Amino acid sequence: MQDAYPVYVKYNVNYTTNLHRKGFDGTPGINVPRFDITPKLDPQQNGDVVATVSPDITTTVYADGTGGAYQLKKLEIELPDGTVKKLDPTGEGGNTYSYTVEPGKPYTFVAYYTPIAVVYHLNDTDIDGKLAQEGNTLGSLKDGMPLRRITLATSMMQRTHTMPS
């Protein structure tokens, strides 16, 4: 008689958001959608495993509850070969996304929200941020530090090339 043991396989399926990826995890006055959601793995009858995630669509933009909830613009999955695929909702209510995954290969669900965070790295350890909608102007230097206009003529010395005769 021989004992049979189940085979253990490890799945590497993660979830993050565009805001968390850029280093913005909120401030005392600004919330962020959850980025610590664990995708659910569902074995199928045919042996496949389907990873499913439901992104956060209830977190309000501002800590005081104003500004409405963050809007999920799209959800993508990054595949082991580096390909990025936009996913369509697969479940009831339009907020469940699924993808068939293989063991031992990395997959990452990435949720993209608006408003988007503009992250200012103040130094090596401190960040600050503000929120903006896609297409907003982030600021201007009007009455601020003037920028030197760099052109090929001002950035390189003029060189004259001669051909030997």
N, C-alpha and C. Protein backbone atom coordinates (compact mmCIF):
# COMPACT_ATOMS: atom_id res chain seq x y z
N MET A 1 0.84 -1.17 0.00
CA MET A 1 0.00 0.00 0.00
C MET A 1 0.90 1.24 0.00
N GLN A 2 0.45 2.26 -0.74
CA GLN A 2 1.21 3.50 -0.87
C GLN A 2 0.35 4.67 -0.41
N ASP A 3 0.95 5.58 0.34
CA ASP A 3 0.23 6.79 0.76
C ASP A 3 0.31 7.83 -0.35
N ALA A 4 -0.76 8.54 -0.56
CA ALA A 4 -0.79 9.64 -1.53
C ALA A 4 -0.98 10.94 -0.76
N TYR A 5 -0.19 11.91 -1.09
CA TYR A 5 -0.28 13.20 -0.43
C TYR A 5 -0.70 14.25 -1.45
N PRO A 6 -1.53 15.18 -1.02
CA PRO A 6 -1.90 16.25 -1.96
C PRO A 6 -0.68 17.11 -2.29
N VAL A 7 -0.66 17.62 -3.48
CA VAL A 7 0.43 18.49 -3.91
C VAL A 7 0.08 19.91 -3.50
N TYR A 8 1.02 20.57 -2.85
CA TYR A 8 0.84 21.96 -2.42
C TYR A 8 1.40 22.87 -3.50
N VAL A 9 0.60 23.81 -3.94
CA VAL A 9 1.06 24.80 -4.91
C VAL A 9 0.80 26.18 -4.34
N LYS A 10 1.72 27.08 -4.60
CA LYS A 10 1.61 28.44 -4.09
C LYS A 10 1.23 29.37 -5.23
N TYR A 11 0.26 30.24 -4.94
CA TYR A 11 -0.17 31.24 -5.91
C TYR A 11 0.33 32.60 -5.46
N ASN A 12 0.75 33.41 -6.41
CA ASN A 12 1.30 34.73 -6.12
C ASN A 12 0.40 35.76 -6.80
N VAL A 13 -0.71 36.09 -6.14
CA VAL A 13 -1.69 37.02 -6.70
C VAL A 13 -1.86 38.18 -5.71
N ASN A 14 -1.63 39.39 -6.19
CA ASN A 14 -1.67 40.57 -5.34
C ASN A 14 -2.63 41.61 -5.89
N TYR A 15 -2.86 42.63 -5.06
CA TYR A 15 -3.75 43.73 -5.43
C TYR A 15 -3.12 45.03 -4.94
N THR A 16 -3.22 46.08 -5.73
CA THR A 16 -2.77 47.40 -5.32
C THR A 16 -3.61 48.45 -6.04
N THR A 17 -3.31 49.71 -5.77
CA THR A 17 -3.99 50.80 -6.46
C THR A 17 -2.96 51.73 -7.08
N ASN A 18 -3.40 52.54 -8.02
CA ASN A 18 -2.51 53.52 -8.64
C ASN A 18 -2.00 54.50 -7.59
N LEU A 19 -2.80 54.82 -6.59
CA LEU A 19 -2.39 55.78 -5.57
C LEU A 19 -1.30 55.19 -4.66
N HIS A 20 -1.52 53.98 -4.18
CA HIS A 20 -0.55 53.32 -3.30
C HIS A 20 0.77 53.08 -4.01
N ARG A 21 0.68 52.71 -5.27
CA ARG A 21 1.89 52.44 -6.05
C ARG A 21 2.78 53.67 -6.19
N LYS A 22 2.17 54.84 -6.19
CA LYS A 22 2.93 56.08 -6.31
C LYS A 22 3.38 56.60 -4.95
N GLY A 23 3.11 55.84 -3.89
CA GLY A 23 3.58 56.23 -2.57
C GLY A 23 2.61 57.06 -1.77
N PHE A 24 1.37 57.20 -2.25
CA PHE A 24 0.39 58.02 -1.54
C PHE A 24 -0.57 57.11 -0.77
N ASP A 25 -0.43 57.12 0.54
CA ASP A 25 -1.29 56.32 1.40
C ASP A 25 -2.21 57.19 2.25
N GLY A 26 -2.46 58.41 1.78
CA GLY A 26 -3.36 59.31 2.47
C GLY A 26 -2.63 60.29 3.37
N THR A 27 -3.38 61.26 3.85
CA THR A 27 -2.90 62.25 4.80
C THR A 27 -3.97 62.35 5.87
N PRO A 28 -3.75 63.14 6.93
CA PRO A 28 -4.81 63.27 7.94
C PRO A 28 -6.14 63.76 7.36
N GLY A 29 -6.12 64.54 6.29
CA GLY A 29 -7.36 65.05 5.73
C GLY A 29 -7.85 64.33 4.48
N ILE A 30 -7.01 63.48 3.89
CA ILE A 30 -7.37 62.80 2.64
C ILE A 30 -7.28 61.29 2.83
N ASN A 31 -8.37 60.62 2.54
CA ASN A 31 -8.41 59.15 2.58
C ASN A 31 -7.83 58.58 1.29
N VAL A 32 -7.63 57.28 1.29
CA VAL A 32 -7.29 56.57 0.06
C VAL A 32 -8.11 55.28 0.03
N PRO A 33 -8.46 54.80 -1.18
CA PRO A 33 -9.14 53.51 -1.26
C PRO A 33 -8.25 52.41 -0.70
N ARG A 34 -8.87 51.37 -0.20
CA ARG A 34 -8.09 50.24 0.35
C ARG A 34 -7.17 49.66 -0.71
N PHE A 35 -5.93 49.41 -0.31
CA PHE A 35 -4.95 48.80 -1.21
C PHE A 35 -4.48 47.46 -0.67
N ASP A 36 -5.04 47.03 0.46
CA ASP A 36 -4.61 45.79 1.12
C ASP A 36 -5.62 44.65 0.93
N ILE A 37 -6.36 44.69 -0.15
CA ILE A 37 -7.37 43.66 -0.42
C ILE A 37 -6.66 42.40 -0.91
N THR A 38 -7.04 41.28 -0.35
CA THR A 38 -6.46 39.99 -0.77
C THR A 38 -7.39 39.34 -1.80
N PRO A 39 -6.89 39.10 -3.01
CA PRO A 39 -7.72 38.41 -4.00
C PRO A 39 -8.12 37.02 -3.50
N LYS A 40 -9.33 36.63 -3.83
CA LYS A 40 -9.85 35.31 -3.45
C LYS A 40 -9.50 34.32 -4.57
N LEU A 41 -8.99 33.15 -4.19
CA LEU A 41 -8.66 32.11 -5.16
C LEU A 41 -9.72 31.03 -5.12
N ASP A 42 -10.33 30.76 -6.27
CA ASP A 42 -11.40 29.78 -6.38
C ASP A 42 -11.02 28.66 -7.33
N PRO A 43 -10.75 27.45 -6.79
CA PRO A 43 -10.49 26.30 -7.67
C PRO A 43 -11.76 25.96 -8.47
N GLN A 44 -11.58 25.67 -9.73
CA GLN A 44 -12.69 25.32 -10.61
C GLN A 44 -12.73 23.81 -10.81
N GLN A 45 -13.86 23.29 -11.27
CA GLN A 45 -14.02 21.86 -11.49
C GLN A 45 -13.02 21.30 -12.51
N ASN A 46 -12.64 22.15 -13.48
CA ASN A 46 -11.71 21.69 -14.52
C ASN A 46 -10.25 21.77 -14.09
N GLY A 47 -9.98 22.19 -12.84
CA GLY A 47 -8.61 22.27 -12.34
C GLY A 47 -8.02 23.67 -12.38
N ASP A 48 -8.64 24.57 -13.12
CA ASP A 48 -8.17 25.96 -13.15
C ASP A 48 -8.39 26.61 -11.79
N VAL A 49 -7.67 27.68 -11.53
CA VAL A 49 -7.89 28.50 -10.35
C VAL A 49 -8.17 29.93 -10.83
N VAL A 50 -9.27 30.50 -10.35
CA VAL A 50 -9.66 31.85 -10.74
C VAL A 50 -9.46 32.78 -9.55
N ALA A 51 -8.70 33.85 -9.79
CA ALA A 51 -8.50 34.88 -8.77
C ALA A 51 -9.56 35.96 -8.97
N THR A 52 -10.18 36.38 -7.88
CA THR A 52 -11.26 37.36 -7.94
C THR A 52 -11.01 38.45 -6.91
N VAL A 53 -11.27 39.69 -7.30
CA VAL A 53 -11.10 40.82 -6.40
C VAL A 53 -12.28 41.78 -6.58
N SER A 54 -12.65 42.42 -5.48
CA SER A 54 -13.68 43.47 -5.50
C SER A 54 -13.06 44.74 -4.96
N PRO A 55 -12.67 45.67 -5.84
CA PRO A 55 -12.02 46.90 -5.39
C PRO A 55 -12.93 47.74 -4.49
N ASP A 56 -12.30 48.57 -3.68
CA ASP A 56 -12.99 49.48 -2.77
C ASP A 56 -13.66 50.59 -3.57
N ILE A 57 -14.98 50.70 -3.45
CA ILE A 57 -15.70 51.78 -4.13
C ILE A 57 -16.51 52.62 -3.14
N THR A 58 -16.21 52.49 -1.85
CA THR A 58 -16.99 53.21 -0.84
C THR A 58 -16.20 54.28 -0.08
N THR A 59 -14.88 54.27 -0.18
CA THR A 59 -14.08 55.23 0.59
C THR A 59 -14.28 56.64 0.05
N THR A 60 -14.58 57.57 0.96
CA THR A 60 -14.73 58.97 0.57
C THR A 60 -13.36 59.59 0.39
N VAL A 61 -13.31 60.60 -0.46
CA VAL A 61 -12.05 61.26 -0.77
C VAL A 61 -11.49 61.96 0.47
N TYR A 62 -12.30 62.75 1.13
CA TYR A 62 -11.81 63.51 2.28
C TYR A 62 -12.24 62.85 3.58
N ALA A 63 -11.38 62.98 4.59
CA ALA A 63 -11.63 62.34 5.88
C ALA A 63 -12.92 62.83 6.52
N ASP A 64 -13.34 64.06 6.22
CA ASP A 64 -14.58 64.57 6.81
C ASP A 64 -15.82 64.10 6.05
N GLY A 65 -15.62 63.21 5.06
CA GLY A 65 -16.75 62.64 4.32
C GLY A 65 -17.18 63.44 3.10
N THR A 66 -16.57 64.59 2.87
CA THR A 66 -16.94 65.39 1.70
C THR A 66 -16.18 64.90 0.47
N GLY A 67 -16.57 65.43 -0.67
CA GLY A 67 -15.87 65.09 -1.90
C GLY A 67 -16.37 63.83 -2.58
N GLY A 68 -17.34 63.15 -1.98
CA GLY A 68 -17.86 61.93 -2.57
C GLY A 68 -16.86 60.79 -2.47
N ALA A 69 -17.21 59.67 -3.04
CA ALA A 69 -16.35 58.48 -3.01
C ALA A 69 -15.38 58.51 -4.18
N TYR A 70 -14.25 57.86 -4.01
CA TYR A 70 -13.33 57.67 -5.13
C TYR A 70 -14.05 56.90 -6.23
N GLN A 71 -13.74 57.23 -7.47
CA GLN A 71 -14.34 56.57 -8.62
C GLN A 71 -13.33 55.60 -9.23
N LEU A 72 -13.72 54.34 -9.34
CA LEU A 72 -12.88 53.35 -10.00
C LEU A 72 -12.98 53.57 -11.51
N LYS A 73 -11.86 53.91 -12.14
CA LYS A 73 -11.86 54.18 -13.58
C LYS A 73 -11.62 52.91 -14.40
N LYS A 74 -10.74 52.04 -13.90
CA LYS A 74 -10.47 50.78 -14.60
C LYS A 74 -9.72 49.86 -13.66
N LEU A 75 -9.71 48.59 -14.02
CA LEU A 75 -8.94 47.61 -13.28
C LEU A 75 -8.14 46.80 -14.30
N GLU A 76 -6.86 46.67 -14.04
CA GLU A 76 -5.98 45.91 -14.92
C GLU A 76 -5.34 44.78 -14.14
N ILE A 77 -4.84 43.80 -14.88
CA ILE A 77 -4.03 42.76 -14.26
C ILE A 77 -2.70 42.71 -14.99
N GLU A 78 -1.64 42.68 -14.20
CA GLU A 78 -0.30 42.53 -14.75
C GLU A 78 0.04 41.06 -14.75
N LEU A 79 0.35 40.54 -15.92
CA LEU A 79 0.60 39.11 -16.09
C LEU A 79 2.09 38.79 -15.90
N PRO A 80 2.41 37.53 -15.68
CA PRO A 80 3.80 37.14 -15.43
C PRO A 80 4.79 37.55 -16.52
N ASP A 81 4.34 37.64 -17.76
CA ASP A 81 5.24 38.00 -18.86
C ASP A 81 5.38 39.51 -19.04
N GLY A 82 4.77 40.30 -18.14
CA GLY A 82 4.85 41.75 -18.23
C GLY A 82 3.70 42.40 -18.97
N THR A 83 2.87 41.61 -19.61
CA THR A 83 1.71 42.12 -20.31
C THR A 83 0.71 42.68 -19.30
N VAL A 84 0.05 43.77 -19.67
CA VAL A 84 -0.99 44.36 -18.84
C VAL A 84 -2.30 44.25 -19.59
N LYS A 85 -3.31 43.72 -18.91
CA LYS A 85 -4.61 43.49 -19.55
C LYS A 85 -5.70 44.19 -18.77
N LYS A 86 -6.51 45.01 -19.46
CA LYS A 86 -7.65 45.66 -18.83
C LYS A 86 -8.76 44.62 -18.66
N LEU A 87 -9.32 44.58 -17.46
CA LEU A 87 -10.38 43.61 -17.19
C LEU A 87 -11.75 44.30 -17.16
N ASP A 88 -12.75 43.56 -17.57
CA ASP A 88 -14.14 44.00 -17.45
C ASP A 88 -14.73 43.32 -16.23
N PRO A 89 -15.72 43.95 -15.60
CA PRO A 89 -16.36 43.31 -14.44
C PRO A 89 -16.95 41.96 -14.82
N THR A 90 -16.85 41.01 -13.87
CA THR A 90 -17.35 39.66 -14.15
C THR A 90 -18.53 39.27 -13.27
N GLY A 91 -18.82 40.05 -12.25
CA GLY A 91 -19.86 39.65 -11.31
C GLY A 91 -21.00 40.62 -11.23
N GLU A 92 -21.94 40.28 -10.38
CA GLU A 92 -23.10 41.12 -10.13
C GLU A 92 -22.66 42.46 -9.55
N GLY A 93 -23.34 43.53 -9.95
CA GLY A 93 -23.04 44.84 -9.41
C GLY A 93 -21.90 45.56 -10.09
N GLY A 94 -21.20 44.89 -11.00
CA GLY A 94 -20.14 45.53 -11.76
C GLY A 94 -18.89 45.87 -10.99
N ASN A 95 -18.66 45.23 -9.83
CA ASN A 95 -17.46 45.55 -9.06
C ASN A 95 -16.67 44.31 -8.68
N THR A 96 -16.79 43.26 -9.44
CA THR A 96 -16.02 42.05 -9.21
C THR A 96 -15.25 41.75 -10.50
N TYR A 97 -13.97 41.47 -10.33
CA TYR A 97 -13.09 41.21 -11.48
C TYR A 97 -12.38 39.89 -11.25
N SER A 98 -12.30 39.07 -12.29
CA SER A 98 -11.69 37.75 -12.15
C SER A 98 -10.74 37.46 -13.29
N TYR A 99 -9.76 36.58 -12.98
CA TYR A 99 -8.81 36.17 -13.99
C TYR A 99 -8.27 34.80 -13.61
N THR A 100 -8.12 33.91 -14.58
CA THR A 100 -7.57 32.58 -14.34
C THR A 100 -6.05 32.70 -14.15
N VAL A 101 -5.54 32.13 -13.05
CA VAL A 101 -4.12 32.25 -12.71
C VAL A 101 -3.47 30.87 -12.62
N GLU A 102 -2.14 30.86 -12.75
CA GLU A 102 -1.36 29.63 -12.65
C GLU A 102 -0.48 29.71 -11.41
N PRO A 103 -0.18 28.57 -10.81
CA PRO A 103 0.67 28.58 -9.61
C PRO A 103 2.10 28.99 -9.93
N GLY A 104 2.74 29.64 -8.94
CA GLY A 104 4.15 29.98 -9.05
C GLY A 104 4.47 31.17 -9.93
N LYS A 105 3.47 31.80 -10.50
CA LYS A 105 3.69 32.95 -11.37
C LYS A 105 3.05 34.18 -10.75
N PRO A 106 3.71 35.36 -10.86
CA PRO A 106 3.17 36.57 -10.22
C PRO A 106 2.09 37.26 -11.07
N TYR A 107 0.99 37.60 -10.40
CA TYR A 107 -0.10 38.36 -11.00
C TYR A 107 -0.42 39.51 -10.06
N THR A 108 -0.70 40.70 -10.61
CA THR A 108 -1.09 41.83 -9.77
C THR A 108 -2.29 42.53 -10.38
N PHE A 109 -3.39 42.59 -9.60
CA PHE A 109 -4.53 43.41 -9.96
C PHE A 109 -4.19 44.85 -9.58
N VAL A 110 -4.44 45.82 -10.48
CA VAL A 110 -4.18 47.23 -10.19
C VAL A 110 -5.46 48.01 -10.47
N ALA A 111 -5.97 48.65 -9.41
CA ALA A 111 -7.17 49.48 -9.53
C ALA A 111 -6.75 50.94 -9.74
N TYR A 112 -7.35 51.59 -10.72
CA TYR A 112 -7.06 52.99 -11.04
C TYR A 112 -8.25 53.85 -10.64
N TYR A 113 -7.99 54.81 -9.75
CA TYR A 113 -9.03 55.66 -9.21
C TYR A 113 -8.83 57.11 -9.61
N THR A 114 -9.95 57.88 -9.58
CA THR A 114 -9.89 59.34 -9.61
C THR A 114 -10.68 59.82 -8.41
N PRO A 115 -10.36 60.97 -7.85
CA PRO A 115 -9.25 61.79 -8.28
C PRO A 115 -7.92 61.08 -8.08
N ILE A 116 -6.91 61.57 -8.79
CA ILE A 116 -5.58 60.99 -8.67
C ILE A 116 -4.76 61.79 -7.68
N ALA A 117 -3.79 61.14 -7.09
CA ALA A 117 -2.93 61.82 -6.13
C ALA A 117 -1.72 62.40 -6.84
N VAL A 118 -1.39 63.61 -6.48
CA VAL A 118 -0.15 64.21 -6.92
C VAL A 118 0.76 64.13 -5.70
N VAL A 119 1.82 63.37 -5.82
CA VAL A 119 2.70 63.10 -4.68
C VAL A 119 3.95 63.96 -4.79
N TYR A 120 4.20 64.71 -3.72
CA TYR A 120 5.40 65.53 -3.63
C TYR A 120 6.36 64.86 -2.66
N HIS A 121 7.53 64.47 -3.13
CA HIS A 121 8.55 63.88 -2.26
C HIS A 121 9.38 65.04 -1.72
N LEU A 122 9.14 65.38 -0.44
CA LEU A 122 9.77 66.53 0.18
C LEU A 122 11.23 66.28 0.51
N ASN A 123 11.53 65.04 0.82
CA ASN A 123 12.91 64.61 1.07
C ASN A 123 12.91 63.09 0.98
N ASP A 124 13.92 62.44 1.51
CA ASP A 124 14.02 60.98 1.37
C ASP A 124 12.92 60.23 2.12
N THR A 125 12.32 60.84 3.12
CA THR A 125 11.34 60.10 3.93
C THR A 125 9.96 60.74 3.98
N ASP A 126 9.84 62.03 3.70
CA ASP A 126 8.55 62.72 3.84
C ASP A 126 7.90 62.96 2.49
N ILE A 127 6.58 62.75 2.46
CA ILE A 127 5.83 63.06 1.25
C ILE A 127 4.64 63.92 1.63
N ASP A 128 4.13 64.63 0.67
CA ASP A 128 2.89 65.37 0.82
C ASP A 128 2.12 65.12 -0.46
N GLY A 129 0.86 65.43 -0.45
CA GLY A 129 0.09 65.18 -1.65
C GLY A 129 -1.13 66.03 -1.74
N LYS A 130 -1.67 66.10 -2.93
CA LYS A 130 -2.95 66.75 -3.15
C LYS A 130 -3.68 65.93 -4.20
N LEU A 131 -4.92 66.21 -4.38
CA LEU A 131 -5.73 65.47 -5.34
C LEU A 131 -6.03 66.31 -6.55
N ALA A 132 -6.11 65.67 -7.70
CA ALA A 132 -6.44 66.35 -8.94
C ALA A 132 -7.24 65.39 -9.82
N GLN A 133 -8.06 65.95 -10.65
CA GLN A 133 -8.77 65.16 -11.65
C GLN A 133 -7.90 65.05 -12.89
N GLU A 134 -8.10 64.00 -13.66
CA GLU A 134 -7.34 63.85 -14.89
C GLU A 134 -7.54 65.09 -15.76
N GLY A 135 -6.45 65.59 -16.31
CA GLY A 135 -6.52 66.76 -17.18
C GLY A 135 -6.36 68.08 -16.46
N ASN A 136 -6.42 68.10 -15.11
CA ASN A 136 -6.23 69.35 -14.37
C ASN A 136 -4.80 69.84 -14.51
N THR A 137 -4.64 71.16 -14.50
CA THR A 137 -3.31 71.76 -14.43
C THR A 137 -2.87 71.66 -12.99
N LEU A 138 -1.65 71.22 -12.77
CA LEU A 138 -1.19 71.00 -11.41
C LEU A 138 -0.64 72.26 -10.77
N GLY A 139 -0.35 73.25 -11.54
CA GLY A 139 0.18 74.48 -10.98
C GLY A 139 0.88 75.27 -12.06
N SER A 140 1.31 76.45 -11.70
CA SER A 140 2.03 77.26 -12.67
C SER A 140 3.13 78.01 -11.93
N LEU A 141 4.08 78.46 -12.67
CA LEU A 141 5.18 79.21 -12.08
C LEU A 141 4.96 80.71 -12.25
N LYS A 142 3.72 81.10 -12.53
CA LYS A 142 3.43 82.52 -12.66
C LYS A 142 3.86 83.22 -11.37
N ASP A 143 4.66 84.23 -11.53
CA ASP A 143 5.22 84.98 -10.39
C ASP A 143 6.13 84.12 -9.53
N GLY A 144 6.51 82.96 -10.03
CA GLY A 144 7.42 82.10 -9.29
C GLY A 144 8.78 82.10 -9.94
N MET A 145 9.52 81.05 -9.73
CA MET A 145 10.87 80.94 -10.27
C MET A 145 10.80 80.87 -11.80
N PRO A 146 11.48 81.76 -12.50
CA PRO A 146 11.45 81.69 -13.96
C PRO A 146 12.28 80.50 -14.44
N LEU A 147 11.81 79.88 -15.49
CA LEU A 147 12.54 78.76 -16.08
C LEU A 147 13.36 79.26 -17.25
N ARG A 148 14.59 78.80 -17.31
CA ARG A 148 15.45 79.14 -18.43
C ARG A 148 15.01 78.29 -19.62
N ARG A 149 14.86 78.90 -20.72
CA ARG A 149 14.47 78.16 -21.91
C ARG A 149 15.72 77.52 -22.50
N ILE A 150 15.70 76.22 -22.62
CA ILE A 150 16.85 75.48 -23.12
C ILE A 150 16.57 75.10 -24.58
N THR A 151 17.51 75.47 -25.43
CA THR A 151 17.43 75.05 -26.82
C THR A 151 18.76 74.44 -27.19
N LEU A 152 18.82 73.85 -28.34
CA LEU A 152 20.07 73.27 -28.79
C LEU A 152 21.16 74.33 -28.86
N ALA A 153 20.81 75.53 -29.26
CA ALA A 153 21.79 76.60 -29.38
C ALA A 153 22.32 77.04 -28.02
N THR A 154 21.49 77.05 -26.98
CA THR A 154 21.94 77.51 -25.67
C THR A 154 22.53 76.39 -24.84
N SER A 155 22.28 75.15 -25.18
CA SER A 155 22.79 74.06 -24.36
C SER A 155 24.08 73.46 -24.88
N MET A 156 24.47 73.80 -26.10
CA MET A 156 25.72 73.27 -26.66
C MET A 156 26.48 74.40 -27.31
N MET A 157 27.75 74.35 -27.22
CA MET A 157 28.56 75.34 -27.95
C MET A 157 28.44 75.04 -29.43
N GLN A 158 28.43 76.07 -30.21
CA GLN A 158 28.41 75.89 -31.66
C GLN A 158 29.74 75.30 -32.09
N ARG A 159 29.70 74.30 -32.92
CA ARG A 159 30.94 73.67 -33.41
C ARG A 159 31.01 73.81 -34.91
N THR A 160 32.19 74.04 -35.37
CA THR A 160 32.41 74.12 -36.81
C THR A 160 33.22 72.91 -37.22
N HIS A 161 32.74 72.21 -38.19
CA HIS A 161 33.46 71.03 -38.66
C HIS A 161 34.05 71.36 -40.03
N THR A 162 35.29 71.00 -40.18
CA THR A 162 35.94 71.19 -41.49
C THR A 162 36.45 69.84 -41.96
N MET A 163 36.46 69.69 -43.23
CA MET A 163 36.96 68.46 -43.83
C MET A 163 38.36 68.71 -44.33
N PRO A 164 39.29 67.79 -44.10
CA PRO A 164 40.65 68.00 -44.64
C PRO A 164 40.62 68.00 -46.15
N SER A 165 41.47 68.84 -46.76
CA SER A 165 41.48 68.90 -48.22
C SER A 165 42.59 68.06 -48.80
